[in-house]
Structure formats: structure tokens, C-alpha cells
């Protein structure tokens, strides 16, 4: 047997075992795994949230405070990458 055939057979067996494991887990628990941070009830209970939800929450808080980009950056600073938003020419 060639090396390619053995490698391919090993990959097929590995994927088959993975699918079998997920199927058994679903049958025992009765639902899909809660692997997404935003939908996992245990992570929500601990206060853990996904990065996009945290960013949306922080942006909403910033809008409520009325802080604009130009209020918090120095146009002479070209290192922060915000110079074009602050009115700087760099």
C-alpha cells in the first residue's frame, strides 16, 4: 500500500470518529453543543460575552456620553492611526 492511501484512510477514520463522537453527544444531551460564546448559558451566567457584543456595548455607551473621536485624540499623533479621523494631514 502506498503512503498516500494509508494517510487518506487514517484521515477518513479520524473524521468518522469525530462525527460519531458528536452524534453520541447529541443523543445523550438531546441538543447541539453550545460552543458559541454568545449562546452558551453558562458563559452568560459568568458574564463572559463575545467580542462583537462587547464592542457594540462600549460603542453605545460612548454615544450616550457624546464623546466624538476628535475629543479624545491628538491630530499631531501619527502613531495611533487615527490622524486622518482627527483632522491631521498625516
PDB file of N, CA and C in Angstrom:
ATOM      1  N   UNK A   1       0.836  -1.177   0.000  1.00  0.00           N
ATOM      2  CA  UNK A   1       0.000   0.000   0.000  1.00  0.00           C
ATOM      3  C   UNK A   1       0.881   1.241   0.000  1.00  0.00           C
ATOM      4  N   UNK A   2       0.393   2.253  -0.667  1.00  0.00           N
ATOM      5  CA  UNK A   2       1.181   3.476  -0.743  1.00  0.00           C
ATOM      6  C   UNK A   2       0.955   4.343   0.492  1.00  0.00           C
ATOM      7  N   UNK A   3       1.834   5.268   0.690  1.00  0.00           N
ATOM      8  CA  UNK A   3       1.763   6.165   1.839  1.00  0.00           C
ATOM      9  C   UNK A   3       0.536   7.067   1.724  1.00  0.00           C
ATOM     10  N   UNK A   4       0.189   7.477   0.523  1.00  0.00           N
ATOM     11  CA  UNK A   4      -0.969   8.348   0.313  1.00  0.00           C
ATOM     12  C   UNK A   4      -2.258   7.634   0.721  1.00  0.00           C
ATOM     13  N   UNK A   5      -2.379   6.353   0.367  1.00  0.00           N
ATOM     14  CA  UNK A   5      -3.577   5.596   0.720  1.00  0.00           C
ATOM     15  C   UNK A   5      -3.707   5.448   2.231  1.00  0.00           C
ATOM     16  N   UNK A   6      -2.612   5.159   2.914  1.00  0.00           N
ATOM     17  CA  UNK A   6      -2.634   4.992   4.373  1.00  0.00           C
ATOM     18  C   UNK A   6      -3.006   6.321   5.038  1.00  0.00           C
ATOM     19  N   UNK A   7      -2.441   7.421   4.556  1.00  0.00           N
ATOM     20  CA  UNK A   7      -2.750   8.740   5.115  1.00  0.00           C
ATOM     21  C   UNK A   7      -4.210   9.091   4.892  1.00  0.00           C
ATOM     22  N   UNK A   8      -4.719   8.834   3.712  1.00  0.00           N
ATOM     23  CA  UNK A   8      -6.113   9.117   3.400  1.00  0.00           C
ATOM     24  C   UNK A   8      -7.051   8.257   4.253  1.00  0.00           C
ATOM     25  N   UNK A   9      -6.715   7.001   4.423  1.00  0.00           N
ATOM     26  CA  UNK A   9      -7.536   6.113   5.247  1.00  0.00           C
ATOM     27  C   UNK A   9      -7.537   6.576   6.702  1.00  0.00           C
ATOM     28  N   UNK A  10      -6.396   6.995   7.213  1.00  0.00           N
ATOM     29  CA  UNK A  10      -6.312   7.496   8.587  1.00  0.00           C
ATOM     30  C   UNK A  10      -7.148   8.761   8.754  1.00  0.00           C
ATOM     31  N   UNK A  11      -7.145   9.635   7.763  1.00  0.00           N
ATOM     32  CA  UNK A  11      -7.940  10.861   7.823  1.00  0.00           C
ATOM     33  C   UNK A  11      -9.430  10.547   7.822  1.00  0.00           C
ATOM     34  N   UNK A  12      -9.847   9.593   6.992  1.00  0.00           N
ATOM     35  CA  UNK A  12     -11.258   9.215   6.931  1.00  0.00           C
ATOM     36  C   UNK A  12     -11.707   8.597   8.259  1.00  0.00           C
ATOM     37  N   UNK A  13     -10.874   7.770   8.844  1.00  0.00           N
ATOM     38  CA  UNK A  13     -11.201   7.160  10.138  1.00  0.00           C
ATOM     39  C   UNK A  13     -11.293   8.237  11.217  1.00  0.00           C
ATOM     40  N   UNK A  14     -10.366   9.185  11.219  1.00  0.00           N
ATOM     41  CA  UNK A  14     -10.380  10.253  12.226  1.00  0.00           C
ATOM     42  C   UNK A  14     -11.644  11.096  12.108  1.00  0.00           C
ATOM     43  N   UNK A  15     -12.026  11.475  10.899  1.00  0.00           N
ATOM     44  CA  UNK A  15     -13.241  12.260  10.697  1.00  0.00           C
ATOM     45  C   UNK A  15     -14.470  11.442  11.101  1.00  0.00           C
ATOM     46  N   UNK A  16     -14.473  10.167  10.781  1.00  0.00           N
ATOM     47  CA  UNK A  16     -15.586   9.303  11.172  1.00  0.00           C
ATOM     48  C   UNK A  16     -15.746   9.209  12.675  1.00  0.00           C
ATOM     49  N   UNK A  17     -14.633   9.086  13.411  1.00  0.00           N
ATOM     50  CA  UNK A  17     -14.696   9.043  14.870  1.00  0.00           C
ATOM     51  C   UNK A  17     -15.188  10.374  15.443  1.00  0.00           C
ATOM     52  N   UNK A  18     -14.782  11.493  14.838  1.00  0.00           N
ATOM     53  CA  UNK A  18     -15.233  12.805  15.280  1.00  0.00           C
ATOM     54  C   UNK A  18     -16.742  12.938  15.101  1.00  0.00           C
ATOM     55  N   UNK A  19     -17.246  12.548  13.942  1.00  0.00           N
ATOM     56  CA  UNK A  19     -18.689  12.625  13.678  1.00  0.00           C
ATOM     57  C   UNK A  19     -19.452  11.701  14.620  1.00  0.00           C
ATOM     58  N   UNK A  20     -18.935  10.508  14.857  1.00  0.00           N
ATOM     59  CA  UNK A  20     -19.564   9.574  15.787  1.00  0.00           C
ATOM     60  C   UNK A  20     -19.611  10.155  17.203  1.00  0.00           C
ATOM     61  N   UNK A  21     -18.528  10.787  17.635  1.00  0.00           N
ATOM     62  CA  UNK A  21     -18.495  11.406  18.955  1.00  0.00           C
ATOM     63  C   UNK A  21     -19.515  12.527  19.093  1.00  0.00           C
ATOM     64  N   UNK A  22     -19.641  13.364  18.066  1.00  0.00           N
ATOM     65  CA  UNK A  22     -20.641  14.433  18.108  1.00  0.00           C
ATOM     66  C   UNK A  22     -22.058  13.864  18.108  1.00  0.00           C
ATOM     67  N   UNK A  23     -22.270  12.809  17.366  1.00  0.00           N
ATOM     68  CA  UNK A  23     -23.599  12.193  17.323  1.00  0.00           C
ATOM     69  C   UNK A  23     -23.977  11.609  18.680  1.00  0.00           C
ATOM     70  N   UNK A  24     -23.039  10.936  19.317  1.00  0.00           N
ATOM     71  CA  UNK A  24     -23.313  10.360  20.632  1.00  0.00           C
ATOM     72  C   UNK A  24     -23.591  11.474  21.637  1.00  0.00           C
ATOM     73  N   UNK A  25     -22.822  12.555  21.577  1.00  0.00           N
ATOM     74  CA  UNK A  25     -23.044  13.683  22.483  1.00  0.00           C
ATOM     75  C   UNK A  25     -24.426  14.270  22.276  1.00  0.00           C
ATOM     76  N   UNK A  26     -24.829  14.421  21.033  1.00  0.00           N
ATOM     77  CA  UNK A  26     -26.148  14.993  20.754  1.00  0.00           C
ATOM     78  C   UNK A  26     -27.251  14.054  21.242  1.00  0.00           C
ATOM     79  N   UNK A  27     -27.084  12.751  21.064  1.00  0.00           N
ATOM     80  CA  UNK A  27     -28.096  11.801  21.520  1.00  0.00           C
ATOM     81  C   UNK A  27     -28.211  11.803  23.044  1.00  0.00           C
ATOM     82  N   UNK A  28     -27.083  11.886  23.744  1.00  0.00           N
ATOM     83  CA  UNK A  28     -27.113  11.858  25.210  1.00  0.00           C
ATOM     84  C   UNK A  28     -27.671  13.140  25.797  1.00  0.00           C
ATOM     85  N   UNK A  29     -27.286  14.300  25.241  1.00  0.00           N
ATOM     86  CA  UNK A  29     -27.731  15.574  25.804  1.00  0.00           C
ATOM     87  C   UNK A  29     -29.064  16.033  25.228  1.00  0.00           C
ATOM     88  N   UNK A  30     -29.411  15.600  24.043  1.00  0.00           N
ATOM     89  CA  UNK A  30     -30.675  15.976  23.435  1.00  0.00           C
ATOM     90  C   UNK A  30     -30.640  17.291  22.679  1.00  0.00           C
ATOM     91  N   UNK A  31     -29.466  17.917  22.556  1.00  0.00           N
ATOM     92  CA  UNK A  31     -29.342  19.172  21.815  1.00  0.00           C
ATOM     93  C   UNK A  31     -27.910  19.311  21.314  1.00  0.00           C
ATOM     94  N   UNK A  32     -27.714  20.288  20.414  1.00  0.00           N
ATOM     95  CA  UNK A  32     -26.367  20.537  19.900  1.00  0.00           C
ATOM     96  C   UNK A  32     -25.485  21.114  20.999  1.00  0.00           C
ATOM     97  N   UNK A  33     -24.179  21.027  20.790  1.00  0.00           N
ATOM     98  CA  UNK A  33     -23.253  21.612  21.732  1.00  0.00           C
ATOM     99  C   UNK A  33     -23.370  23.130  21.693  1.00  0.00           C
ATOM    100  N   UNK A  34     -23.301  23.768  22.842  1.00  0.00           N
ATOM    101  CA  UNK A  34     -23.349  25.225  22.923  1.00  0.00           C
ATOM    102  C   UNK A  34     -21.916  25.750  22.876  1.00  0.00           C
ATOM    103  N   UNK A  35     -21.346  25.789  21.682  1.00  0.00           N
ATOM    104  CA  UNK A  35     -19.954  26.188  21.567  1.00  0.00           C
ATOM    105  C   UNK A  35     -19.789  27.674  21.288  1.00  0.00           C
ATOM    106  N   UNK A  36     -20.847  28.371  20.892  1.00  0.00           N
ATOM    107  CA  UNK A  36     -20.766  29.793  20.617  1.00  0.00           C
ATOM    108  C   UNK A  36     -20.838  30.570  21.927  1.00  0.00           C
ATOM    109  N   UNK A  37     -19.940  31.529  22.099  1.00  0.00           N
ATOM    110  CA  UNK A  37     -19.871  32.278  23.348  1.00  0.00           C
ATOM    111  C   UNK A  37     -21.169  33.036  23.598  1.00  0.00           C
ATOM    112  N   UNK A  38     -21.768  33.598  22.572  1.00  0.00           N
ATOM    113  CA  UNK A  38     -22.978  34.394  22.749  1.00  0.00           C
ATOM    114  C   UNK A  38     -24.199  33.585  23.141  1.00  0.00           C
ATOM    115  N   UNK A  39     -24.231  32.297  22.842  1.00  0.00           N
ATOM    116  CA  UNK A  39     -25.404  31.470  23.119  1.00  0.00           C
ATOM    117  C   UNK A  39     -25.217  30.505  24.286  1.00  0.00           C
ATOM    118  N   UNK A  40     -24.030  30.418  24.834  1.00  0.00           N
ATOM    119  CA  UNK A  40     -23.763  29.478  25.911  1.00  0.00           C
ATOM    120  C   UNK A  40     -24.269  30.060  27.228  1.00  0.00           C
ATOM    121  N   UNK A  41     -25.233  29.395  27.850  1.00  0.00           N
ATOM    122  CA  UNK A  41     -25.873  29.939  29.057  1.00  0.00           C
ATOM    123  C   UNK A  41     -24.917  29.970  30.245  1.00  0.00           C
ATOM    124  N   UNK A  42     -23.971  29.054  30.302  1.00  0.00           N
ATOM    125  CA  UNK A  42     -23.020  29.049  31.413  1.00  0.00           C
ATOM    126  C   UNK A  42     -22.067  30.243  31.313  1.00  0.00           C
ATOM    127  N   UNK A  43     -21.644  30.571  30.106  1.00  0.00           N
ATOM    128  CA  UNK A  43     -20.775  31.737  29.928  1.00  0.00           C
ATOM    129  C   UNK A  43     -21.536  33.030  30.188  1.00  0.00           C
ATOM    130  N   UNK A  44     -22.803  33.081  29.800  1.00  0.00           N
ATOM    131  CA  UNK A  44     -23.622  34.264  30.076  1.00  0.00           C
ATOM    132  C   UNK A  44     -23.794  34.455  31.579  1.00  0.00           C
ATOM    133  N   UNK A  45     -23.960  33.362  32.313  1.00  0.00           N
ATOM    134  CA  UNK A  45     -24.119  33.437  33.761  1.00  0.00           C
ATOM    135  C   UNK A  45     -22.859  33.993  34.421  1.00  0.00           C
ATOM    136  N   UNK A  46     -21.686  33.665  33.856  1.00  0.00           N
ATOM    137  CA  UNK A  46     -20.425  34.151  34.395  1.00  0.00           C
ATOM    138  C   UNK A  46     -20.080  35.558  33.916  1.00  0.00           C
ATOM    139  N   UNK A  47     -20.884  36.099  32.991  1.00  0.00           N
ATOM    140  CA  UNK A  47     -20.636  37.446  32.485  1.00  0.00           C
ATOM    141  C   UNK A  47     -19.676  37.495  31.313  1.00  0.00           C
ATOM    142  N   UNK A  48     -19.394  36.355  30.706  1.00  0.00           N
ATOM    143  CA  UNK A  48     -18.500  36.297  29.554  1.00  0.00           C
ATOM    144  C   UNK A  48     -19.334  36.530  28.304  1.00  0.00           C
ATOM    145  N   UNK A  49     -18.866  37.425  27.427  1.00  0.00           N
ATOM    146  CA  UNK A  49     -19.594  37.695  26.194  1.00  0.00           C
ATOM    147  C   UNK A  49     -18.621  37.718  25.030  1.00  0.00           C
ATOM    148  N   UNK A  50     -19.161  37.623  23.823  1.00  0.00           N
ATOM    149  CA  UNK A  50     -18.297  37.616  22.656  1.00  0.00           C
ATOM    150  C   UNK A  50     -17.757  39.022  22.406  1.00  0.00           C
ATOM    151  N   UNK A  51     -16.675  39.110  21.663  1.00  0.00           N
ATOM    152  CA  UNK A  51     -16.002  40.383  21.442  1.00  0.00           C
ATOM    153  C   UNK A  51     -16.899  41.379  20.718  1.00  0.00           C
ATOM    154  N   UNK A  52     -17.676  40.922  19.738  1.00  0.00           N
ATOM    155  CA  UNK A  52     -18.523  41.855  18.988  1.00  0.00           C
ATOM    156  C   UNK A  52     -19.615  42.437  19.875  1.00  0.00           C
ATOM    157  N   UNK A  53     -20.166  41.664  20.796  1.00  0.00           N
ATOM    158  CA  UNK A  53     -21.173  42.193  21.718  1.00  0.00           C
ATOM    159  C   UNK A  53     -20.551  43.211  22.663  1.00  0.00           C
ATOM    160  N   UNK A  54     -19.337  42.950  23.093  1.00  0.00           N
ATOM    161  CA  UNK A  54     -18.652  43.891  23.978  1.00  0.00           C
ATOM    162  C   UNK A  54     -18.365  45.197  23.242  1.00  0.00           C
ATOM    163  N   UNK A  55     -17.943  45.121  21.996  1.00  0.00           N
ATOM    164  CA  UNK A  55     -17.673  46.323  21.214  1.00  0.00           C
ATOM    165  C   UNK A  55     -18.948  47.117  21.002  1.00  0.00           C
ATOM    166  N   UNK A  56     -20.056  46.435  20.663  1.00  0.00           N
ATOM    167  CA  UNK A  56     -21.327  47.139  20.472  1.00  0.00           C
ATOM    168  C   UNK A  56     -21.769  47.833  21.757  1.00  0.00           C
ATOM    169  N   UNK A  57     -21.602  47.172  22.893  1.00  0.00           N
ATOM    170  CA  UNK A  57     -21.983  47.764  24.172  1.00  0.00           C
ATOM    171  C   UNK A  57     -21.135  48.986  24.490  1.00  0.00           C
ATOM    172  N   UNK A  58     -19.818  48.898  24.236  1.00  0.00           N
ATOM    173  CA  UNK A  58     -18.931  50.031  24.502  1.00  0.00           C
ATOM    174  C   UNK A  58     -19.222  51.200  23.571  1.00  0.00           C
ATOM    175  N   UNK A  59     -19.520  50.921  22.293  1.00  0.00           N
ATOM    176  CA  UNK A  59     -19.851  51.995  21.357  1.00  0.00           C
ATOM    177  C   UNK A  59     -21.156  52.680  21.745  1.00  0.00           C
ATOM    178  N   UNK A  60     -22.135  51.917  22.197  1.00  0.00           N
ATOM    179  CA  UNK A  60     -23.399  52.510  22.638  1.00  0.00           C
ATOM    180  C   UNK A  60     -23.178  53.396  23.862  1.00  0.00           C
ATOM    181  N   UNK A  61     -22.328  52.961  24.780  1.00  0.00           N
ATOM    182  CA  UNK A  61     -22.034  53.769  25.968  1.00  0.00           C
ATOM    183  C   UNK A  61     -21.309  55.047  25.577  1.00  0.00           C
ATOM    184  N   UNK A  62     -20.403  54.950  24.594  1.00  0.00           N
ATOM    185  CA  UNK A  62     -19.677  56.118  24.123  1.00  0.00           C
ATOM    186  C   UNK A  62     -20.611  57.114  23.460  1.00  0.00           C
ATOM    187  N   UNK A  63     -21.587  56.617  22.702  1.00  0.00           N
ATOM    188  CA  UNK A  63     -22.549  57.504  22.051  1.00  0.00           C
ATOM    189  C   UNK A  63     -23.430  58.198  23.088  1.00  0.00           C
ATOM    190  N   UNK A  64     -23.783  57.481  24.145  1.00  0.00           N
ATOM    191  CA  UNK A  64     -24.597  58.086  25.206  1.00  0.00           C
ATOM    192  C   UNK A  64     -23.835  59.199  25.906  1.00  0.00           C
ATOM    193  N   UNK A  65     -22.522  59.047  26.039  1.00  0.00           N
ATOM    194  CA  UNK A  65     -21.710  60.067  26.685  1.00  0.00           C
ATOM    195  C   UNK A  65     -21.435  61.237  25.746  1.00  0.00           C
ATOM    196  N   UNK A  66     -21.658  61.042  24.466  1.00  0.00           N
ATOM    197  CA  UNK A  66     -21.448  62.109  23.497  1.00  0.00           C
ATOM    198  C   UNK A  66     -19.997  62.338  23.132  1.00  0.00           C
ATOM    199  N   UNK A  67     -19.149  61.366  23.380  1.00  0.00           N
ATOM    200  CA  UNK A  67     -17.733  61.519  23.061  1.00  0.00           C
ATOM    201  C   UNK A  67     -17.513  61.251  21.581  1.00  0.00           C
ATOM    202  N   UNK A  68     -16.877  62.176  20.905  1.00  0.00           N
ATOM    203  CA  UNK A  68     -16.537  62.011  19.492  1.00  0.00           C
ATOM    204  C   UNK A  68     -15.077  61.621  19.385  1.00  0.00           C
ATOM    205  N   UNK A  69     -14.685  61.142  18.230  1.00  0.00           N
ATOM    206  CA  UNK A  69     -13.300  60.729  18.009  1.00  0.00           C
ATOM    207  C   UNK A  69     -12.370  61.919  18.166  1.00  0.00           C
ATOM    208  N   UNK A  70     -12.791  63.070  17.695  1.00  0.00           N
ATOM    209  CA  UNK A  70     -11.916  64.243  17.765  1.00  0.00           C
ATOM    210  C   UNK A  70     -11.715  64.727  19.195  1.00  0.00           C
ATOM    211  N   UNK A  71     -12.578  64.372  20.117  1.00  0.00           N
ATOM    212  CA  UNK A  71     -12.441  64.780  21.512  1.00  0.00           C
ATOM    213  C   UNK A  71     -11.358  63.998  22.238  1.00  0.00           C
ATOM    214  N   UNK A  72     -10.991  62.847  21.754  1.00  0.00           N
ATOM    215  CA  UNK A  72     -10.086  62.011  22.528  1.00  0.00           C
ATOM    216  C   UNK A  72      -8.762  61.703  21.845  1.00  0.00           C
ATOM    217  N   UNK A  73      -8.450  62.387  20.739  1.00  0.00           N
ATOM    218  CA  UNK A  73      -7.169  62.095  20.112  1.00  0.00           C
ATOM    219  C   UNK A  73      -6.456  63.380  19.714  1.00  0.00           C
ATOM    220  N   UNK A  74      -5.173  63.253  19.552  1.00  0.00           N
ATOM    221  CA  UNK A  74      -4.307  64.381  19.219  1.00  0.00           C
ATOM    222  C   UNK A  74      -3.975  64.297  17.736  1.00  0.00           C
ATOM    223  N   UNK A  75      -4.340  65.304  16.911  1.00  0.00           N
ATOM    224  CA  UNK A  75      -4.082  65.227  15.475  1.00  0.00           C
ATOM    225  C   UNK A  75      -2.603  65.185  15.128  1.00  0.00           C
ATOM    226  N   UNK A  76      -1.740  65.575  16.040  1.00  0.00           N
ATOM    227  CA  UNK A  76      -0.315  65.532  15.738  1.00  0.00           C
ATOM    228  C   UNK A  76       0.261  64.131  15.921  1.00  0.00           C
ATOM    229  N   UNK A  77      -0.504  63.242  16.452  1.00  0.00           N
ATOM    230  CA  UNK A  77      -0.036  61.878  16.699  1.00  0.00           C
ATOM    231  C   UNK A  77      -0.321  61.018  15.477  1.00  0.00           C
ATOM    232  N   UNK A  78       0.701  60.635  14.767  1.00  0.00           N
ATOM    233  CA  UNK A  78       0.502  59.781  13.589  1.00  0.00           C
ATOM    234  C   UNK A  78       0.666  58.312  13.940  1.00  0.00           C
ATOM    235  N   UNK A  79       1.139  58.017  15.149  1.00  0.00           N
ATOM    236  CA  UNK A  79       1.357  56.619  15.536  1.00  0.00           C
ATOM    237  C   UNK A  79       0.072  55.871  15.810  1.00  0.00           C
ATOM    238  N   UNK A  80      -0.966  56.575  16.261  1.00  0.00           N
ATOM    239  CA  UNK A  80      -2.178  55.864  16.664  1.00  0.00           C
ATOM    240  C   UNK A  80      -3.027  55.448  15.466  1.00  0.00           C
ATOM    241  N   UNK A  81      -2.754  55.946  14.279  1.00  0.00           N
ATOM    242  CA  UNK A  81      -3.525  55.578  13.107  1.00  0.00           C
ATOM    243  C   UNK A  81      -4.849  56.308  13.004  1.00  0.00           C
ATOM    244  N   UNK A  82      -5.102  57.256  13.905  1.00  0.00           N
ATOM    245  CA  UNK A  82      -6.365  57.992  13.911  1.00  0.00           C
ATOM    246  C   UNK A  82      -6.194  59.412  13.393  1.00  0.00           C
ATOM    247  N   UNK A  83      -5.006  59.759  12.901  1.00  0.00           N
ATOM    248  CA  UNK A  83      -4.730  61.133  12.483  1.00  0.00           C
ATOM    249  C   UNK A  83      -5.672  61.594  11.394  1.00  0.00           C
ATOM    250  N   UNK A  84      -6.047  60.691  10.477  1.00  0.00           N
ATOM    251  CA  UNK A  84      -6.949  61.092   9.399  1.00  0.00           C
ATOM    252  C   UNK A  84      -8.344  61.385   9.920  1.00  0.00           C
ATOM    253  N   UNK A  85      -8.736  60.757  11.035  1.00  0.00           N
ATOM    254  CA  UNK A  85     -10.064  60.998  11.622  1.00  0.00           C
ATOM    255  C   UNK A  85     -10.062  62.246  12.503  1.00  0.00           C
ATOM    256  N   UNK A  86      -8.882  62.658  12.954  1.00  0.00           N
ATOM    257  CA  UNK A  86      -8.786  63.787  13.869  1.00  0.00           C
ATOM    258  C   UNK A  86      -8.586  65.100  13.132  1.00  0.00           C
ATOM    259  N   UNK A  87      -8.458  65.048  11.826  1.00  0.00           N
ATOM    260  CA  UNK A  87      -8.236  66.272  11.073  1.00  0.00           C
ATOM    261  C   UNK A  87      -6.782  66.519  10.759  1.00  0.00           C
ATOM    262  N   UNK A  88      -5.919  65.588  11.122  1.00  0.00           N
ATOM    263  CA  UNK A  88      -4.496  65.738  10.847  1.00  0.00           C
ATOM    264  C   UNK A  88      -4.204  65.427   9.386  1.00  0.00           C
ATOM    265  N   UNK A  89      -3.078  65.909   8.898  1.00  0.00           N
ATOM    266  CA  UNK A  89      -2.745  65.714   7.476  1.00  0.00           C
ATOM    267  C   UNK A  89      -1.907  64.473   7.251  1.00  0.00           C
ATOM    268  N   UNK A  90      -1.482  63.794   8.301  1.00  0.00           N
ATOM    269  CA  UNK A  90      -0.613  62.626   8.134  1.00  0.00           C
ATOM    270  C   UNK A  90      -1.389  61.374   7.923  1.00  0.00           C
TER     271      UNK A  90
END
